[in-house]
Amino acid sequence: MTNVAVAVSAQGYGHEGAFDYRAFKTGHIVIKPHNGKEFLKMLSEISKTSGPIHLMKVFSHSYPRGIIMTNWSGFYDEPGPNDTPNAAYISDLAELIDKREILFSANPQIMLFGCNLAGNFAEKLSAAVSGTVIAPRGDSYPKIRGNQETGVFIAVTQWEVYIRGRYAYSAGKRLRAW
């Protein structure tokens, strides 16, 4: 099996049309999970049927704790007091990777385009997948030219790169999604 690229359009919290547009623009396999458990199930199905995931781009609403999907049912770094049974956590992902139910290639890359995901979430995610995670410190938004998205996303502070659980360097203020 060959390595695959996945684009995630997080559903359930608003702006799904914009996330769908961005995910499809990448040309990758697109998944549209409504909650964290569904997200992990979709990753498992893709990696088992198509091959290990080497690249994943996530378009979502988010906050420092993780990716927001349906209220309190997203994909987070740690459990929160209002989480539903449909929420999932980085520890769940790590367990599925250990069991080989979700397969990532050697040195995979995950690009997170939702706001405020640099720090603890990106650090833990990069450790769980033994790869690179790129996430914005603070807010992020698409660059618009001629009333259309250009495929470049701007971080208000910077894009941070985490490799195998450690902050590695700043990737500047601009990051290309497609």
C-alpha atoms as a PDB file:
ATOM      1  CA  MET A   1       0.000   0.000   0.000  1.00  0.00           C
ATOM      2  CA  THR A   2       1.119   3.542  -0.679  1.00  0.00           C
ATOM      3  CA  ASN A   3       1.141   6.389   1.806  1.00  0.00           C
ATOM      4  CA  VAL A   4      -1.892   8.660   1.690  1.00  0.00           C
ATOM      5  CA  ALA A   5      -2.739  12.292   2.354  1.00  0.00           C
ATOM      6  CA  VAL A   6      -5.912  13.205   4.233  1.00  0.00           C
ATOM      7  CA  ALA A   7      -7.788  16.493   4.574  1.00  0.00           C
ATOM      8  CA  VAL A   8     -10.147  16.858   7.525  1.00  0.00           C
ATOM      9  CA  SER A   9     -13.194  19.132   7.418  1.00  0.00           C
ATOM     10  CA  ALA A  10     -14.455  19.333  11.002  1.00  0.00           C
ATOM     11  CA  GLN A  11     -18.255  19.350  11.161  1.00  0.00           C
ATOM     12  CA  GLY A  12     -20.793  20.381  13.760  1.00  0.00           C
ATOM     13  CA  TYR A  13     -19.714  23.809  14.998  1.00  0.00           C
ATOM     14  CA  GLY A  14     -20.282  26.118  12.038  1.00  0.00           C
ATOM     15  CA  HIS A  15     -18.515  27.161   8.833  1.00  0.00           C
ATOM     16  CA  GLU A  16     -18.658  23.609   7.457  1.00  0.00           C
ATOM     17  CA  GLY A  17     -18.945  24.946   3.900  1.00  0.00           C
ATOM     18  CA  ALA A  18     -15.647  26.814   4.226  1.00  0.00           C
ATOM     19  CA  PHE A  19     -13.912  23.809   5.790  1.00  0.00           C
ATOM     20  CA  ASP A  20     -15.291  21.521   3.050  1.00  0.00           C
ATOM     21  CA  TYR A  21     -14.064  23.918   0.336  1.00  0.00           C
ATOM     22  CA  ARG A  22     -10.573  24.046   1.845  1.00  0.00           C
ATOM     23  CA  ALA A  23     -10.345  20.279   2.345  1.00  0.00           C
ATOM     24  CA  PHE A  24     -11.389  19.548  -1.249  1.00  0.00           C
ATOM     25  CA  LYS A  25      -8.939  22.157  -2.596  1.00  0.00           C
ATOM     26  CA  THR A  26      -6.046  20.098  -1.208  1.00  0.00           C
ATOM     27  CA  GLY A  27      -6.776  17.184  -3.570  1.00  0.00           C
ATOM     28  CA  HIS A  28      -6.338  14.739  -0.662  1.00  0.00           C
ATOM     29  CA  ILE A  29      -8.762  12.114   0.638  1.00  0.00           C
ATOM     30  CA  VAL A  30     -11.416  14.169   2.463  1.00  0.00           C
ATOM     31  CA  ILE A  31     -13.090  13.109   5.697  1.00  0.00           C
ATOM     32  CA  LYS A  32     -15.828  15.043   7.484  1.00  0.00           C
ATOM     33  CA  PRO A  33     -16.081  13.883  11.114  1.00  0.00           C
ATOM     34  CA  HIS A  34     -18.732  15.255  13.479  1.00  0.00           C
ATOM     35  CA  ASN A  35     -16.988  14.134  16.675  1.00  0.00           C
ATOM     36  CA  GLY A  36     -13.689  12.822  18.008  1.00  0.00           C
ATOM     37  CA  LYS A  37     -14.688   9.137  18.036  1.00  0.00           C
ATOM     38  CA  GLU A  38     -15.865   9.361  14.417  1.00  0.00           C
ATOM     39  CA  PHE A  39     -12.602  11.114  13.511  1.00  0.00           C
ATOM     40  CA  LEU A  40     -10.509   8.240  14.890  1.00  0.00           C
ATOM     41  CA  LYS A  41     -12.741   5.655  13.214  1.00  0.00           C
ATOM     42  CA  MET A  42     -12.320   7.406   9.856  1.00  0.00           C
ATOM     43  CA  LEU A  43      -8.531   7.549  10.265  1.00  0.00           C
ATOM     44  CA  SER A  44      -8.522   3.831  11.043  1.00  0.00           C
ATOM     45  CA  GLU A  45     -10.613   2.984   7.970  1.00  0.00           C
ATOM     46  CA  ILE A  46      -8.437   5.084   5.655  1.00  0.00           C
ATOM     47  CA  SER A  47      -5.148   3.753   6.959  1.00  0.00           C
ATOM     48  CA  LYS A  48      -6.364   0.150   6.710  1.00  0.00           C
ATOM     49  CA  THR A  49      -7.867   0.440   3.214  1.00  0.00           C
ATOM     50  CA  SER A  50      -5.621   3.013   1.522  1.00  0.00           C
ATOM     51  CA  GLY A  51      -2.324   2.884   3.406  1.00  0.00           C
ATOM     52  CA  PRO A  52      -0.450   4.717   6.148  1.00  0.00           C
ATOM     53  CA  ILE A  53      -1.178   8.410   6.516  1.00  0.00           C
ATOM     54  CA  HIS A  54       1.856  10.548   5.679  1.00  0.00           C
ATOM     55  CA  LEU A  55       0.147  13.950   5.507  1.00  0.00           C
ATOM     56  CA  MET A  56      -2.966  15.289   7.224  1.00  0.00           C
ATOM     57  CA  LYS A  57      -4.389  18.806   6.971  1.00  0.00           C
ATOM     58  CA  VAL A  58      -7.106  19.757   9.455  1.00  0.00           C
ATOM     59  CA  PHE A  59      -9.545  22.602   8.784  1.00  0.00           C
ATOM     60  CA  SER A  60     -11.569  23.374  11.890  1.00  0.00           C
ATOM     61  CA  HIS A  61     -12.611  25.684  14.624  1.00  0.00           C
ATOM     62  CA  SER A  62     -10.343  25.107  17.580  1.00  0.00           C
ATOM     63  CA  TYR A  63      -9.002  26.409  20.830  1.00  0.00           C
ATOM     64  CA  PRO A  64      -5.909  25.529  22.876  1.00  0.00           C
ATOM     65  CA  ARG A  65      -7.456  22.255  24.089  1.00  0.00           C
ATOM     66  CA  GLY A  66      -8.072  20.894  20.599  1.00  0.00           C
ATOM     67  CA  ILE A  67     -10.258  20.562  17.535  1.00  0.00           C
ATOM     68  CA  ILE A  68     -13.870  21.624  17.960  1.00  0.00           C
ATOM     69  CA  MET A  69     -16.553  19.567  16.248  1.00  0.00           C
ATOM     70  CA  THR A  70     -20.048  19.028  17.638  1.00  0.00           C
ATOM     71  CA  ASN A  71     -20.296  20.720  21.058  1.00  0.00           C
ATOM     72  CA  TRP A  72     -17.966  19.074  23.590  1.00  0.00           C
ATOM     73  CA  SER A  73     -17.475  16.087  21.268  1.00  0.00           C
ATOM     74  CA  GLY A  74     -14.272  17.082  19.493  1.00  0.00           C
ATOM     75  CA  PHE A  75     -10.694  15.812  19.541  1.00  0.00           C
ATOM     76  CA  TYR A  76      -8.797  17.147  22.535  1.00  0.00           C
ATOM     77  CA  ASP A  77      -5.485  16.898  24.397  1.00  0.00           C
ATOM     78  CA  GLU A  78      -7.163  16.050  27.738  1.00  0.00           C
ATOM     79  CA  PRO A  79     -10.688  15.321  29.014  1.00  0.00           C
ATOM     80  CA  GLY A  80     -12.795  18.303  30.045  1.00  0.00           C
ATOM     81  CA  PRO A  81     -15.701  18.582  32.480  1.00  0.00           C
ATOM     82  CA  ASN A  82     -18.398  18.943  29.789  1.00  0.00           C
ATOM     83  CA  ASP A  83     -17.152  16.414  27.233  1.00  0.00           C
ATOM     84  CA  THR A  84     -19.670  13.980  25.802  1.00  0.00           C
ATOM     85  CA  PRO A  85     -19.013  10.257  25.303  1.00  0.00           C
ATOM     86  CA  ASN A  86     -18.301  11.050  21.616  1.00  0.00           C
ATOM     87  CA  ALA A  87     -15.220  13.137  22.444  1.00  0.00           C
ATOM     88  CA  ALA A  88     -11.814  11.571  21.801  1.00  0.00           C
ATOM     89  CA  TYR A  89      -8.340  12.402  23.005  1.00  0.00           C
ATOM     90  CA  ILE A  90      -4.747  12.250  21.838  1.00  0.00           C
ATOM     91  CA  SER A  91      -4.256   9.345  24.271  1.00  0.00           C
ATOM     92  CA  ASP A  92      -6.975   7.423  22.356  1.00  0.00           C
ATOM     93  CA  LEU A  93      -5.120   8.088  19.111  1.00  0.00           C
ATOM     94  CA  ALA A  94      -1.833   6.916  20.646  1.00  0.00           C
ATOM     95  CA  GLU A  95      -3.490   3.708  21.843  1.00  0.00           C
ATOM     96  CA  LEU A  96      -4.926   3.004  18.363  1.00  0.00           C
ATOM     97  CA  ILE A  97      -1.502   3.652  16.817  1.00  0.00           C
ATOM     98  CA  ASP A  98       0.099   1.223  19.289  1.00  0.00           C
ATOM     99  CA  LYS A  99      -2.512  -1.404  18.362  1.00  0.00           C
ATOM    100  CA  ARG A 100      -1.835  -0.686  14.657  1.00  0.00           C
ATOM    101  CA  GLU A 101      -5.502   0.198  14.150  1.00  0.00           C
ATOM    102  CA  ILE A 102      -4.432   3.623  12.845  1.00  0.00           C
ATOM    103  CA  LEU A 103      -1.329   3.667  10.682  1.00  0.00           C
ATOM    104  CA  PHE A 104       0.944   6.639  10.091  1.00  0.00           C
ATOM    105  CA  SER A 105       4.009   6.527   7.868  1.00  0.00           C
ATOM    106  CA  ALA A 106       7.469   7.182   9.243  1.00  0.00           C
ATOM    107  CA  ASN A 107       7.807  10.928   9.952  1.00  0.00           C
ATOM    108  CA  PRO A 108       4.231  11.981   9.124  1.00  0.00           C
ATOM    109  CA  GLN A 109       3.237  15.641   8.943  1.00  0.00           C
ATOM    110  CA  ILE A 110       0.032  17.132  10.352  1.00  0.00           C
ATOM    111  CA  MET A 111      -0.934  20.711   9.516  1.00  0.00           C
ATOM    112  CA  LEU A 112      -3.537  22.294  11.801  1.00  0.00           C
ATOM    113  CA  PHE A 113      -5.259  25.354  10.335  1.00  0.00           C
ATOM    114  CA  GLY A 114      -7.602  26.075  13.267  1.00  0.00           C
ATOM    115  CA  CYS A 115      -6.746  28.862  15.709  1.00  0.00           C
ATOM    116  CA  ASN A 116      -4.681  28.530  18.892  1.00  0.00           C
ATOM    117  CA  LEU A 117      -3.401  24.947  18.508  1.00  0.00           C
ATOM    118  CA  ALA A 118       0.312  25.599  19.053  1.00  0.00           C
ATOM    119  CA  GLY A 119       1.545  24.585  22.475  1.00  0.00           C
ATOM    120  CA  ASN A 120       0.317  21.622  24.490  1.00  0.00           C
ATOM    121  CA  PHE A 121      -2.052  20.187  21.861  1.00  0.00           C
ATOM    122  CA  ALA A 122       0.452  20.302  18.982  1.00  0.00           C
ATOM    123  CA  GLU A 123       3.253  19.043  21.223  1.00  0.00           C
ATOM    124  CA  LYS A 124       1.250  16.019  22.417  1.00  0.00           C
ATOM    125  CA  LEU A 125      -0.059  15.253  18.937  1.00  0.00           C
ATOM    126  CA  SER A 126       3.432  15.299  17.422  1.00  0.00           C
ATOM    127  CA  ALA A 127       4.624  12.900  20.128  1.00  0.00           C
ATOM    128  CA  ALA A 128       1.662  10.551  19.580  1.00  0.00           C
ATOM    129  CA  VAL A 129       2.271  10.243  15.815  1.00  0.00           C
ATOM    130  CA  SER A 130       6.092  10.386  16.096  1.00  0.00           C
ATOM    131  CA  GLY A 131       6.129  13.121  13.506  1.00  0.00           C
ATOM    132  CA  THR A 132       5.793  16.797  12.715  1.00  0.00           C
ATOM    133  CA  VAL A 133       2.842  19.004  13.634  1.00  0.00           C
ATOM    134  CA  ILE A 134       2.524  22.587  12.397  1.00  0.00           C
ATOM    135  CA  ALA A 135       0.024  24.802  14.216  1.00  0.00           C
ATOM    136  CA  PRO A 136      -0.691  28.506  14.713  1.00  0.00           C
ATOM    137  CA  ARG A 137       0.176  30.385  17.872  1.00  0.00           C
ATOM    138  CA  GLY A 138      -2.937  32.528  18.267  1.00  0.00           C
ATOM    139  CA  ASP A 139      -5.513  33.059  15.540  1.00  0.00           C
ATOM    140  CA  SER A 140      -5.157  32.062  11.889  1.00  0.00           C
ATOM    141  CA  TYR A 141      -7.104  33.061   8.815  1.00  0.00           C
ATOM    142  CA  PRO A 142      -7.027  32.544   5.029  1.00  0.00           C
ATOM    143  CA  LYS A 143      -5.392  35.111   2.768  1.00  0.00           C
ATOM    144  CA  ILE A 144      -7.969  36.531   0.363  1.00  0.00           C
ATOM    145  CA  ARG A 145      -7.210  37.984  -3.064  1.00  0.00           C
ATOM    146  CA  GLY A 146      -9.878  39.024  -5.552  1.00  0.00           C
ATOM    147  CA  ASN A 147     -12.624  37.793  -3.209  1.00  0.00           C
ATOM    148  CA  GLN A 148     -11.149  34.251  -3.192  1.00  0.00           C
ATOM    149  CA  GLU A 149      -8.991  32.259  -0.813  1.00  0.00           C
ATOM    150  CA  THR A 150      -5.453  31.879  -2.126  1.00  0.00           C
ATOM    151  CA  GLY A 151      -4.540  28.694  -0.231  1.00  0.00           C
ATOM    152  CA  VAL A 152      -2.202  30.591   2.087  1.00  0.00           C
ATOM    153  CA  PHE A 153      -3.103  30.893   5.762  1.00  0.00           C
ATOM    154  CA  ILE A 154      -1.788  33.647   7.997  1.00  0.00           C
ATOM    155  CA  ALA A 155      -1.019  33.207  11.688  1.00  0.00           C
ATOM    156  CA  VAL A 156      -1.455  36.367  13.725  1.00  0.00           C
ATOM    157  CA  THR A 157       1.597  35.435  15.821  1.00  0.00           C
ATOM    158  CA  GLN A 158       3.439  32.597  14.013  1.00  0.00           C
ATOM    159  CA  TRP A 159       3.204  29.016  12.746  1.00  0.00           C
ATOM    160  CA  GLU A 160       5.041  26.733  15.150  1.00  0.00           C
ATOM    161  CA  VAL A 161       6.623  23.415  14.205  1.00  0.00           C
ATOM    162  CA  TYR A 162       6.717  20.527  16.697  1.00  0.00           C
ATOM    163  CA  ILE A 163       8.748  17.409  15.979  1.00  0.00           C
ATOM    164  CA  ARG A 164       8.255  14.236  18.026  1.00  0.00           C
ATOM    165  CA  GLY A 165       6.812  16.056  21.003  1.00  0.00           C
ATOM    166  CA  ARG A 166       9.091  19.094  21.107  1.00  0.00           C
ATOM    167  CA  TYR A 167       8.908  22.622  19.784  1.00  0.00           C
ATOM    168  CA  ALA A 168      11.429  22.849  16.930  1.00  0.00           C
ATOM    169  CA  TYR A 169      11.128  26.262  15.253  1.00  0.00           C
ATOM    170  CA  SER A 170       8.890  29.012  13.904  1.00  0.00           C
ATOM    171  CA  ALA A 171       7.702  28.642  10.319  1.00  0.00           C
ATOM    172  CA  GLY A 172       6.871  32.342  10.034  1.00  0.00           C
ATOM    173  CA  LYS A 173       3.488  33.937   9.547  1.00  0.00           C
ATOM    174  CA  ARG A 174       2.344  32.257   6.309  1.00  0.00           C
ATOM    175  CA  LEU A 175       1.609  28.622   5.553  1.00  0.00           C
ATOM    176  CA  ARG A 176       0.327  27.163   2.275  1.00  0.00           C
ATOM    177  CA  ALA A 177      -2.594  24.708   2.558  1.00  0.00           C
ATOM    178  CA  TRP A 178      -2.951  23.995  -1.183  1.00  0.00           C
END
